[in-house]
Amino acid sequence: MAEVKVFPLSCAVQNYAWGKIGLDSEVAKLVTSSDPLAVIEPDKPYAELWMGTHPKGDAVIRDNRISQKTLGQWIMDHSGCLGSKVKDYFHGQLPFLFKVLSVNIALSIQAHPNKELAVKLHAQFPEHYPDSNHKPEMAIALTPFEGLCGFRPVEEIIRFLKNVPEFYALIGCAAAEELENSVGDSHRVSEALKKCFTRMMNCEKKVFVDQLNMLVKRISEKAAAGEDTQQSNGDLLLRLHSQFPGDIGCFSIYFLNFIKLKPGEAMFLGANEPHAYLNGDCIECMACSDNTVRAGLTPKYIDVNTLCEMLSYIPASASSKIFPLVQDLSDPCVSVYDPPVPDFSVLRIQVPSSVKQYTVSSIDSASILVVIKGDAVASSAAALSEMTITRGSVLFISANECVSLDISSREGMLLFRACCLL
C-alpha cells in the first residue's frame, strides 16, 4: 500500500488563565466546529491551539491507516516528508510551531532570546529556559487584535515623561534629560533608552506601587469627570491595572508601541523585541521553542536583568511594526507572510465564493493547514481517500504533495498554511 502523506490532526488545547472563556474563545469555536463531540466548559479559559510537534503538545494523527502516533513520532520515522532542504537544515525536525491564540487578558512584558543567548540561558537555568533554540514569532489577527510591540519613537516617550508625572518620577530627572538630549543621535538614543527602561524596571517596589496608585487615581478621576485621558494612555493603563494591580508592567505602555491589528494584519517579533499581547484572537507561528524572558504583567518567573540587557533599544513607529503581506504572483488566492528567519512562513489562502474547485499547491516543505472558514471535500494522490474538512480542521501535508478541494460552502474558504520556504 502506498504511504499516506496527507492526513488530519487532532491538536492540543492549552487552558492558560489569560485565555478567552468558553465559546468566547476562537480556539474553542474552532475545536467544536471540527469535532461536534468536543466538550467546551463555559467557565474555562481556552487560550491556545497547538498545531505541531512540540513535546508539550504534540498533535495526534487522526487516520486509521496510520497506527496511533503523534505527528512528532511519525516525522521521526518519515523525515523525507519535511522536504530535502528542510530535513537537512533542521536535522530532521519540523522547525515551526503553528498556533491559534485567544487572548482575554494581557500576556507578560517579554522578549525571546536569539540562538546564542538561548544556549546560554538553557545551560544556566534549564528549569526556566527549557530548550536552546531561538523563538522568533509572528501574530496574524483573526479578530481585532491588540498588543505592545517595540519601543516607541523617542519623541513619544519624551512627551509621556512630560505629561505623566508619575512615570517621570520612576525614571528620574537625570535619565529623562539624557534621553531628551540624545534625540538625533541613534547610538545615544539607544543608550539613554536602555538607561531609562532599566531604571523603571528596577525601581523599588514601594516607590512604583505608590506612583501607580496615584496615576490610577488621577486618571480615574479625570475619566469620571469626562476629561480626555488620551495623553496618559488612560484607558489602557486602567485596563492593565485592573488585570495586574500594582505591577510595574503597567508603566511599559509609555515605552512600547500600542498596536491595533485589523483581521489579516500581522506583526513579527524577532529576537530581543519587547512585546506583549493584550487582547483578541490570532494565528501565531514561531520557531519550535518555549523560551520566554519575562519582566512584568505575569505571575510567572520574572528575569528583569536578563530582559533589560538583551532588548533591542531601537525606537520605531507603530505603523512600521505591521508586517507586510505579499501577493503570490502565481496564485491570486495566496498571500505570503515571509519573515526574515528561515524557520517558518505563513500562507493566507482566501478562496472566493465563485471558486468551487481549488488546489492547495505542492511546495518543497512539510506544511500544516488550518481551516478558518468554509467547508470542502479534500483529496490527494497521497491521501488515497477523500476527507471532509470544515472550520477548525487541521491537515498535515508532506513536502511536494498537493491537495484538491471540492468546496461546498457558499462563502468560499479562508485557510492558513505554515511552512518553511528555504
Protein backbone atom coordinates (compact mmCIF):
# COMPACT_ATOMS: atom_id res chain seq x y z
CA MET A 1 0.00 0.00 0.00
CA ALA A 2 1.27 3.50 -0.85
CA GLU A 3 2.44 5.65 2.05
CA VAL A 4 -0.10 8.12 3.45
CA LYS A 5 1.34 11.65 3.23
CA VAL A 6 -1.68 13.91 3.86
CA PHE A 7 -3.79 13.41 6.97
CA PRO A 8 -5.91 15.25 9.59
CA LEU A 9 -4.58 16.12 13.04
CA SER A 10 -6.11 16.33 16.48
CA CYS A 11 -4.33 19.22 18.19
CA ALA A 12 -3.58 20.11 21.80
CA VAL A 13 -5.56 22.83 23.58
CA GLN A 14 -3.85 24.87 26.31
CA ASN A 15 -6.10 26.31 29.02
CA TYR A 16 -3.88 29.13 30.29
CA ALA A 17 -5.54 31.61 32.65
CA TRP A 18 -5.19 34.53 30.21
CA GLY A 19 -7.31 32.81 27.53
CA LYS A 20 -10.83 33.77 26.48
CA ILE A 21 -13.56 31.96 28.37
CA GLY A 22 -15.71 29.16 26.89
CA LEU A 23 -17.18 29.85 23.47
CA ASP A 24 -15.98 33.47 23.54
CA SER A 25 -12.67 31.89 22.50
CA GLU A 26 -11.83 31.40 18.83
CA VAL A 27 -9.80 28.36 19.94
CA ALA A 28 -12.91 26.78 21.49
CA LYS A 29 -15.04 27.67 18.46
CA LEU A 30 -12.58 26.03 16.06
CA VAL A 31 -12.37 22.89 18.23
CA THR A 32 -16.16 22.46 18.39
CA SER A 33 -16.59 23.21 14.67
CA SER A 34 -14.20 20.42 13.72
CA ASP A 35 -15.33 17.98 16.44
CA PRO A 36 -19.03 18.11 17.40
CA LEU A 37 -18.32 15.73 20.31
CA ALA A 38 -15.82 18.10 21.91
CA VAL A 39 -16.95 19.39 25.31
CA ILE A 40 -16.32 23.08 25.97
CA GLU A 41 -16.68 24.10 29.62
CA PRO A 42 -18.41 27.50 29.80
CA ASP A 43 -16.23 28.86 32.66
CA LYS A 44 -12.87 27.55 31.47
CA PRO A 45 -10.26 29.58 29.52
CA TYR A 46 -9.31 28.29 26.05
CA ALA A 47 -6.05 30.09 25.28
CA GLU A 48 -4.06 28.21 22.61
CA LEU A 49 -4.42 25.52 19.97
CA TRP A 50 -1.01 23.97 19.24
CA MET A 51 -0.54 22.57 15.75
CA GLY A 52 2.85 20.90 15.57
CA THR A 53 5.31 18.56 17.24
CA HIS A 54 6.33 20.41 20.42
CA PRO A 55 6.66 17.82 23.21
CA LYS A 56 4.27 19.81 25.44
CA GLY A 57 1.52 19.47 22.81
CA ASP A 58 2.43 17.04 20.02
CA ALA A 59 -0.52 16.69 17.61
CA VAL A 60 -2.14 13.25 17.24
CA ILE A 61 -2.71 11.80 13.76
CA ARG A 62 -6.39 11.14 13.01
CA ASP A 63 -6.14 8.49 10.30
CA ASN A 64 -6.98 4.85 10.93
CA ARG A 65 -4.49 3.76 8.28
CA ILE A 66 -1.67 5.05 10.47
CA SER A 67 -1.16 3.27 13.79
CA GLN A 68 -1.85 5.60 16.73
CA LYS A 69 1.04 8.04 16.61
CA THR A 70 1.81 11.64 17.31
CA LEU A 71 2.97 13.84 14.46
CA GLY A 72 6.42 14.08 16.03
CA GLN A 73 6.78 10.29 16.13
CA TRP A 74 5.59 9.96 12.53
CA ILE A 75 8.02 12.60 11.25
CA MET A 76 10.86 10.84 13.07
CA ASP A 77 10.03 7.69 11.06
CA HIS A 78 9.36 9.55 7.77
CA SER A 79 11.77 12.50 7.81
CA GLY A 80 11.63 12.72 3.99
CA CYS A 81 8.17 14.27 4.42
CA LEU A 82 9.89 17.50 5.53
CA GLY A 83 11.43 18.13 2.10
CA SER A 84 15.12 17.62 1.40
CA LYS A 85 16.27 21.18 2.24
CA VAL A 86 14.21 21.41 5.44
CA LYS A 87 15.26 17.93 6.57
CA ASP A 88 18.96 18.76 6.22
CA TYR A 89 18.83 22.32 7.55
CA PHE A 90 16.75 21.47 10.63
CA HIS A 91 18.21 17.99 11.31
CA GLY A 92 15.03 16.01 10.62
CA GLN A 93 12.79 18.21 12.81
CA LEU A 94 9.69 20.23 11.92
CA PRO A 95 11.13 23.72 12.52
CA PHE A 96 7.94 25.60 13.43
CA LEU A 97 5.04 25.50 15.86
CA PHE A 98 1.71 26.77 14.49
CA LYS A 99 -0.94 28.08 16.90
CA VAL A 100 -4.29 29.81 17.30
CA LEU A 101 -4.41 32.17 20.31
CA SER A 102 -7.43 33.68 22.07
CA VAL A 103 -6.27 36.44 24.44
CA ASN A 104 -8.58 37.77 27.13
CA ILE A 105 -6.10 39.45 29.48
CA ALA A 106 -2.57 40.70 28.83
CA LEU A 107 0.32 38.31 28.41
CA SER A 108 3.60 39.26 30.06
CA ILE A 109 6.01 42.00 29.03
CA GLN A 110 8.51 39.73 27.37
CA ALA A 111 11.09 39.06 24.69
CA HIS A 112 12.62 35.95 23.15
CA PRO A 113 16.38 35.29 23.07
CA ASN A 114 18.49 34.84 19.96
CA LYS A 115 20.15 31.45 19.50
CA GLU A 116 23.38 32.41 21.25
CA LEU A 117 21.57 33.67 24.36
CA ALA A 118 19.12 30.74 24.27
CA VAL A 119 22.03 28.26 24.50
CA LYS A 120 23.49 30.18 27.45
CA LEU A 121 20.18 30.56 29.34
CA HIS A 122 19.24 26.90 28.81
CA ALA A 123 22.62 25.76 30.17
CA GLN A 124 22.36 28.03 33.23
CA PHE A 125 18.63 27.85 34.05
CA PRO A 126 17.03 24.85 32.27
CA GLU A 127 14.02 24.97 34.61
CA HIS A 128 13.13 28.45 33.24
CA TYR A 129 14.51 28.16 29.68
CA PRO A 130 13.64 24.62 28.54
CA ASP A 131 15.50 24.46 25.21
CA SER A 132 18.44 26.02 23.39
CA ASN A 133 16.52 27.39 20.38
CA HIS A 134 15.55 30.93 19.45
CA LYS A 135 11.86 31.83 19.23
CA PRO A 136 11.04 34.40 16.55
CA GLU A 137 7.27 34.56 16.13
CA MET A 138 4.52 36.15 14.08
CA ALA A 139 0.95 37.03 15.09
CA ILE A 140 -1.72 37.35 12.36
CA ALA A 141 -5.01 38.84 13.55
CA LEU A 142 -8.20 36.79 13.12
CA THR A 143 -10.28 39.37 15.02
CA PRO A 144 -9.29 42.93 16.01
CA PHE A 145 -6.08 42.27 17.95
CA GLU A 146 -4.14 44.49 20.36
CA GLY A 147 -0.55 44.25 21.51
CA LEU A 148 2.53 46.13 22.61
CA CYS A 149 5.49 45.84 20.25
CA GLY A 150 8.91 47.50 20.16
CA PHE A 151 10.00 50.85 21.58
CA ARG A 152 8.00 53.92 20.58
CA PRO A 153 9.62 56.83 18.71
CA VAL A 154 11.71 58.62 21.33
CA GLU A 155 9.68 61.85 20.88
CA GLU A 156 6.56 59.99 22.09
CA ILE A 157 8.37 58.68 25.19
CA ILE A 158 9.63 62.18 25.99
CA ARG A 159 6.08 63.51 25.63
CA PHE A 160 4.82 60.92 28.15
CA LEU A 161 7.62 61.90 30.55
CA LYS A 162 6.35 65.49 30.37
CA ASN A 163 2.63 64.66 30.63
CA VAL A 164 2.70 61.78 33.14
CA PRO A 165 4.47 62.96 36.33
CA GLU A 166 4.23 59.52 37.95
CA PHE A 167 6.13 57.99 35.02
CA TYR A 168 8.73 60.76 35.22
CA ALA A 169 9.17 60.06 38.95
CA LEU A 170 10.24 56.45 38.20
CA ILE A 171 12.76 57.45 35.51
CA GLY A 172 14.28 60.38 37.37
CA CYS A 173 15.46 63.77 36.20
CA ALA A 174 18.98 62.78 35.03
CA ALA A 175 17.91 59.82 32.85
CA ALA A 176 14.95 61.77 31.40
CA GLU A 177 17.22 64.69 30.48
CA GLU A 178 19.75 62.32 28.92
CA LEU A 179 17.01 60.85 26.74
CA GLU A 180 15.79 64.27 25.64
CA ASN A 181 19.34 65.42 24.82
CA SER A 182 20.06 62.27 22.78
CA VAL A 183 17.48 63.00 20.05
CA GLY A 184 19.10 62.97 16.63
CA ASP A 185 21.91 60.55 17.56
CA SER A 186 20.71 56.94 17.21
CA HIS A 187 23.55 55.45 19.29
CA ARG A 188 22.98 57.89 22.18
CA VAL A 189 19.20 57.33 21.91
CA SER A 190 19.63 53.57 22.36
CA GLU A 191 21.94 54.02 25.36
CA ALA A 192 19.64 56.58 27.00
CA LEU A 193 16.56 54.45 26.30
CA LYS A 194 18.21 51.43 27.90
CA LYS A 195 19.09 53.51 30.96
CA CYS A 196 15.52 54.84 31.30
CA PHE A 197 13.85 51.44 30.82
CA THR A 198 16.27 49.68 33.18
CA ARG A 199 15.75 52.34 35.87
CA MET A 200 11.99 51.85 35.66
CA MET A 201 12.12 48.04 35.69
CA ASN A 202 14.48 48.03 38.70
CA CYS A 203 12.55 50.66 40.65
CA GLU A 204 11.94 49.84 44.31
CA LYS A 205 8.54 48.18 44.68
CA LYS A 206 7.07 50.59 47.22
CA VAL A 207 8.02 53.56 45.02
CA PHE A 208 6.44 52.26 41.82
CA VAL A 209 3.32 50.93 43.58
CA ASP A 210 2.75 54.35 45.20
CA GLN A 211 3.26 56.14 41.87
CA LEU A 212 1.00 53.65 40.05
CA ASN A 213 -1.77 54.10 42.63
CA MET A 214 -1.51 57.89 42.29
CA LEU A 215 -1.66 57.60 38.49
CA VAL A 216 -4.66 55.26 38.53
CA LYS A 217 -6.48 57.57 40.99
CA ARG A 218 -5.73 60.66 38.88
CA ILE A 219 -6.82 59.05 35.59
CA SER A 220 -9.96 57.54 37.15
CA GLU A 221 -10.99 60.95 38.49
CA LYS A 222 -10.36 62.59 35.10
CA ALA A 223 -12.34 59.89 33.29
CA ALA A 224 -15.22 60.21 35.79
CA ALA A 225 -15.29 63.97 35.16
CA GLY A 226 -15.49 63.34 31.41
CA GLU A 227 -12.00 64.70 30.73
CA ASP A 228 -9.76 63.39 27.94
CA THR A 229 -7.23 60.88 29.31
CA GLN A 230 -5.60 60.16 25.95
CA GLN A 231 -2.36 61.97 26.76
CA SER A 232 -1.73 59.46 29.52
CA ASN A 233 -2.99 56.40 27.56
CA GLY A 234 -5.62 56.31 30.30
CA ASP A 235 -7.99 53.57 29.12
CA LEU A 236 -5.16 51.12 28.52
CA LEU A 237 -3.48 51.94 31.84
CA LEU A 238 -6.72 51.34 33.78
CA ARG A 239 -7.35 48.08 31.93
CA LEU A 240 -3.88 46.68 32.64
CA HIS A 241 -4.02 47.81 36.26
CA SER A 242 -7.37 46.04 36.72
CA GLN A 243 -5.77 42.82 35.42
CA PHE A 244 -2.41 43.18 37.22
CA PRO A 245 -2.80 45.67 40.10
CA GLY A 246 0.46 47.05 41.43
CA ASP A 247 2.54 45.61 38.55
CA ILE A 248 5.49 47.57 37.13
CA GLY A 249 4.49 46.30 33.66
CA CYS A 250 1.59 48.79 33.65
CA PHE A 251 4.13 51.60 33.05
CA SER A 252 5.55 49.81 29.98
CA ILE A 253 2.78 51.36 27.85
CA TYR A 254 4.77 54.60 27.92
CA PHE A 255 7.80 52.90 26.35
CA LEU A 256 6.24 50.42 23.92
CA ASN A 257 4.09 50.93 20.81
CA PHE A 258 0.39 50.16 21.27
CA ILE A 259 -0.53 48.21 18.13
CA LYS A 260 -4.08 47.58 16.88
CA LEU A 261 -4.21 44.97 14.11
CA LYS A 262 -7.20 44.50 11.82
CA PRO A 263 -8.04 40.93 10.74
CA GLY A 264 -5.36 39.79 8.30
CA GLU A 265 -2.73 42.24 9.56
CA ALA A 266 0.38 40.83 11.24
CA MET A 267 3.29 41.73 13.47
CA PHE A 268 6.64 39.95 13.53
CA LEU A 269 8.58 39.65 16.77
CA GLY A 270 12.25 38.93 16.20
CA ALA A 271 14.87 38.17 18.83
CA ASN A 272 15.15 40.72 21.66
CA GLU A 273 11.99 42.62 20.59
CA PRO A 274 9.95 43.69 23.66
CA HIS A 275 6.25 42.85 23.32
CA ALA A 276 3.03 41.75 24.98
CA TYR A 277 -0.23 40.52 23.50
CA LEU A 278 -3.19 42.31 25.11
CA ASN A 279 -6.49 41.17 23.57
CA GLY A 280 -8.01 39.38 20.58
CA ASP A 281 -7.66 36.21 18.52
CA CYS A 282 -4.75 35.46 16.21
CA ILE A 283 -2.90 32.87 14.21
CA GLU A 284 0.64 32.55 15.55
CA CYS A 285 3.66 30.86 14.03
CA MET A 286 7.05 30.55 15.68
CA ALA A 287 10.27 28.60 15.78
CA CYS A 288 9.73 25.42 17.81
CA SER A 289 10.83 26.72 21.20
CA ASP A 290 9.40 27.65 24.58
CA ASN A 291 11.98 30.27 25.62
CA THR A 292 10.49 33.49 27.00
CA VAL A 293 12.17 36.13 29.17
CA ARG A 294 9.52 37.95 31.22
CA ALA A 295 9.59 41.09 33.34
CA GLY A 296 6.03 42.18 34.15
CA LEU A 297 2.26 41.61 33.80
CA THR A 298 2.66 37.97 34.81
CA PRO A 299 2.58 35.64 37.81
CA LYS A 300 5.32 33.55 36.11
CA TYR A 301 9.09 33.65 36.63
CA ILE A 302 10.49 37.16 36.10
CA ASP A 303 14.05 37.82 34.91
CA VAL A 304 14.36 41.61 34.82
CA ASN A 305 18.15 41.83 34.48
CA THR A 306 18.29 39.43 31.51
CA LEU A 307 15.42 41.24 29.77
CA CYS A 308 16.93 44.72 30.24
CA GLU A 309 20.33 43.54 28.95
CA MET A 310 19.03 41.65 25.90
CA LEU A 311 16.49 44.09 24.43
CA SER A 312 16.90 45.94 21.14
CA TYR A 313 16.60 49.60 22.14
CA ILE A 314 15.67 50.78 18.66
CA PRO A 315 12.70 53.20 18.58
CA ALA A 316 10.30 52.92 15.63
CA SER A 317 6.76 53.94 14.75
CA ALA A 318 3.76 51.72 15.47
CA SER A 319 2.95 51.53 11.75
CA SER A 320 6.42 50.13 10.99
CA LYS A 321 5.63 47.15 13.24
CA ILE A 322 2.80 45.93 10.94
CA PHE A 323 4.37 43.19 8.84
CA PRO A 324 3.72 43.30 5.08
CA LEU A 325 1.57 40.70 3.33
CA VAL A 326 2.89 39.90 -0.17
CA GLN A 327 0.69 38.65 -3.01
CA ASP A 328 1.82 35.35 -4.57
CA LEU A 329 2.05 36.19 -8.28
CA SER A 330 1.44 32.57 -9.28
CA ASP A 331 -1.88 32.22 -7.38
CA PRO A 332 -4.37 35.09 -6.85
CA CYS A 333 -5.82 33.28 -3.81
CA VAL A 334 -2.49 33.18 -1.93
CA SER A 335 -0.70 35.89 0.03
CA VAL A 336 2.51 35.29 1.98
CA TYR A 337 3.79 36.44 5.36
CA ASP A 338 7.52 35.78 4.91
CA PRO A 339 9.55 36.88 7.95
CA PRO A 340 13.35 37.35 7.92
CA VAL A 341 14.06 33.98 9.58
CA PRO A 342 14.44 30.55 7.94
CA ASP A 343 12.20 28.65 10.39
CA PHE A 344 8.75 29.48 9.01
CA SER A 345 6.50 31.38 6.63
CA VAL A 346 2.69 31.55 6.63
CA LEU A 347 0.47 31.50 3.55
CA ARG A 348 -3.02 33.00 3.69
CA ILE A 349 -5.29 31.22 1.21
CA GLN A 350 -8.53 33.11 0.55
CA VAL A 351 -10.72 31.29 -1.96
CA PRO A 352 -13.66 33.43 -3.15
CA SER A 353 -17.22 32.08 -3.25
CA SER A 354 -17.12 31.97 -7.05
CA VAL A 355 -14.43 29.24 -6.97
CA LYS A 356 -15.69 25.72 -6.29
CA GLN A 357 -12.57 23.72 -7.15
CA TYR A 358 -9.21 24.74 -5.76
CA THR A 359 -5.81 23.07 -5.46
CA VAL A 360 -3.54 23.70 -2.49
CA SER A 361 -0.27 23.63 -4.40
CA SER A 362 2.74 21.47 -3.58
CA ILE A 363 5.81 23.07 -2.01
CA ASP A 364 9.19 21.63 -1.03
CA SER A 365 8.35 21.72 2.68
CA ALA A 366 6.07 19.91 5.07
CA SER A 367 3.17 22.18 5.98
CA ILE A 368 0.25 22.42 8.39
CA LEU A 369 -3.05 23.81 7.12
CA VAL A 370 -5.86 25.13 9.34
CA VAL A 371 -9.36 25.95 8.07
CA ILE A 372 -10.73 29.21 9.50
CA LYS A 373 -13.78 29.48 7.24
CA GLY A 374 -15.61 27.19 4.81
CA ASP A 375 -16.18 23.51 4.02
CA ALA A 376 -14.75 21.21 1.36
CA VAL A 377 -14.01 17.64 0.42
CA ALA A 378 -10.23 17.30 0.27
CA SER A 379 -8.40 14.68 -1.76
CA SER A 380 -4.88 14.00 -2.92
CA ALA A 381 -2.95 11.20 -4.53
CA ALA A 382 -1.11 10.84 -1.23
CA ALA A 383 -4.26 10.79 0.92
CA LEU A 384 -5.64 7.82 -1.04
CA SER A 385 -9.15 8.75 0.05
CA GLU A 386 -11.38 11.79 0.44
CA MET A 387 -11.64 13.80 3.66
CA THR A 388 -14.31 16.26 4.66
CA ILE A 389 -12.74 19.39 6.09
CA THR A 390 -14.60 22.17 7.83
CA ARG A 391 -13.91 25.19 10.04
CA GLY A 392 -11.32 24.11 12.62
CA SER A 393 -9.94 21.17 10.60
CA VAL A 394 -6.15 20.84 10.65
CA LEU A 395 -4.24 18.93 7.95
CA PHE A 396 -0.61 17.86 7.74
CA ILE A 397 0.69 17.94 4.16
CA SER A 398 4.02 16.29 3.34
CA ALA A 399 6.51 18.11 1.11
CA ASN A 400 5.78 18.08 -2.63
CA GLU A 401 2.15 16.97 -2.18
CA CYS A 402 -0.86 18.94 -3.40
CA VAL A 403 -4.43 18.77 -2.09
CA SER A 404 -7.56 19.25 -4.22
CA LEU A 405 -10.54 20.94 -2.59
CA ASP A 406 -14.11 20.46 -3.77
CA ILE A 407 -15.63 23.46 -1.97
CA SER A 408 -19.20 23.17 -0.71
CA SER A 409 -19.54 26.37 1.36
CA ARG A 410 -21.24 29.39 -0.21
CA GLU A 411 -18.91 31.90 1.43
CA GLY A 412 -15.67 30.49 -0.02
CA MET A 413 -12.80 29.46 2.24
CA LEU A 414 -10.12 31.03 4.42
CA LEU A 415 -7.11 28.86 5.21
CA PHE A 416 -3.72 29.49 6.79
CA ARG A 417 -0.76 27.28 5.94
CA ALA A 418 2.51 27.21 7.90
CA CYS A 419 5.58 26.00 6.03
CA CYS A 420 9.31 26.57 5.63
CA LEU A 421 10.34 28.37 2.42
CA LEU A 422 14.11 27.83 2.41
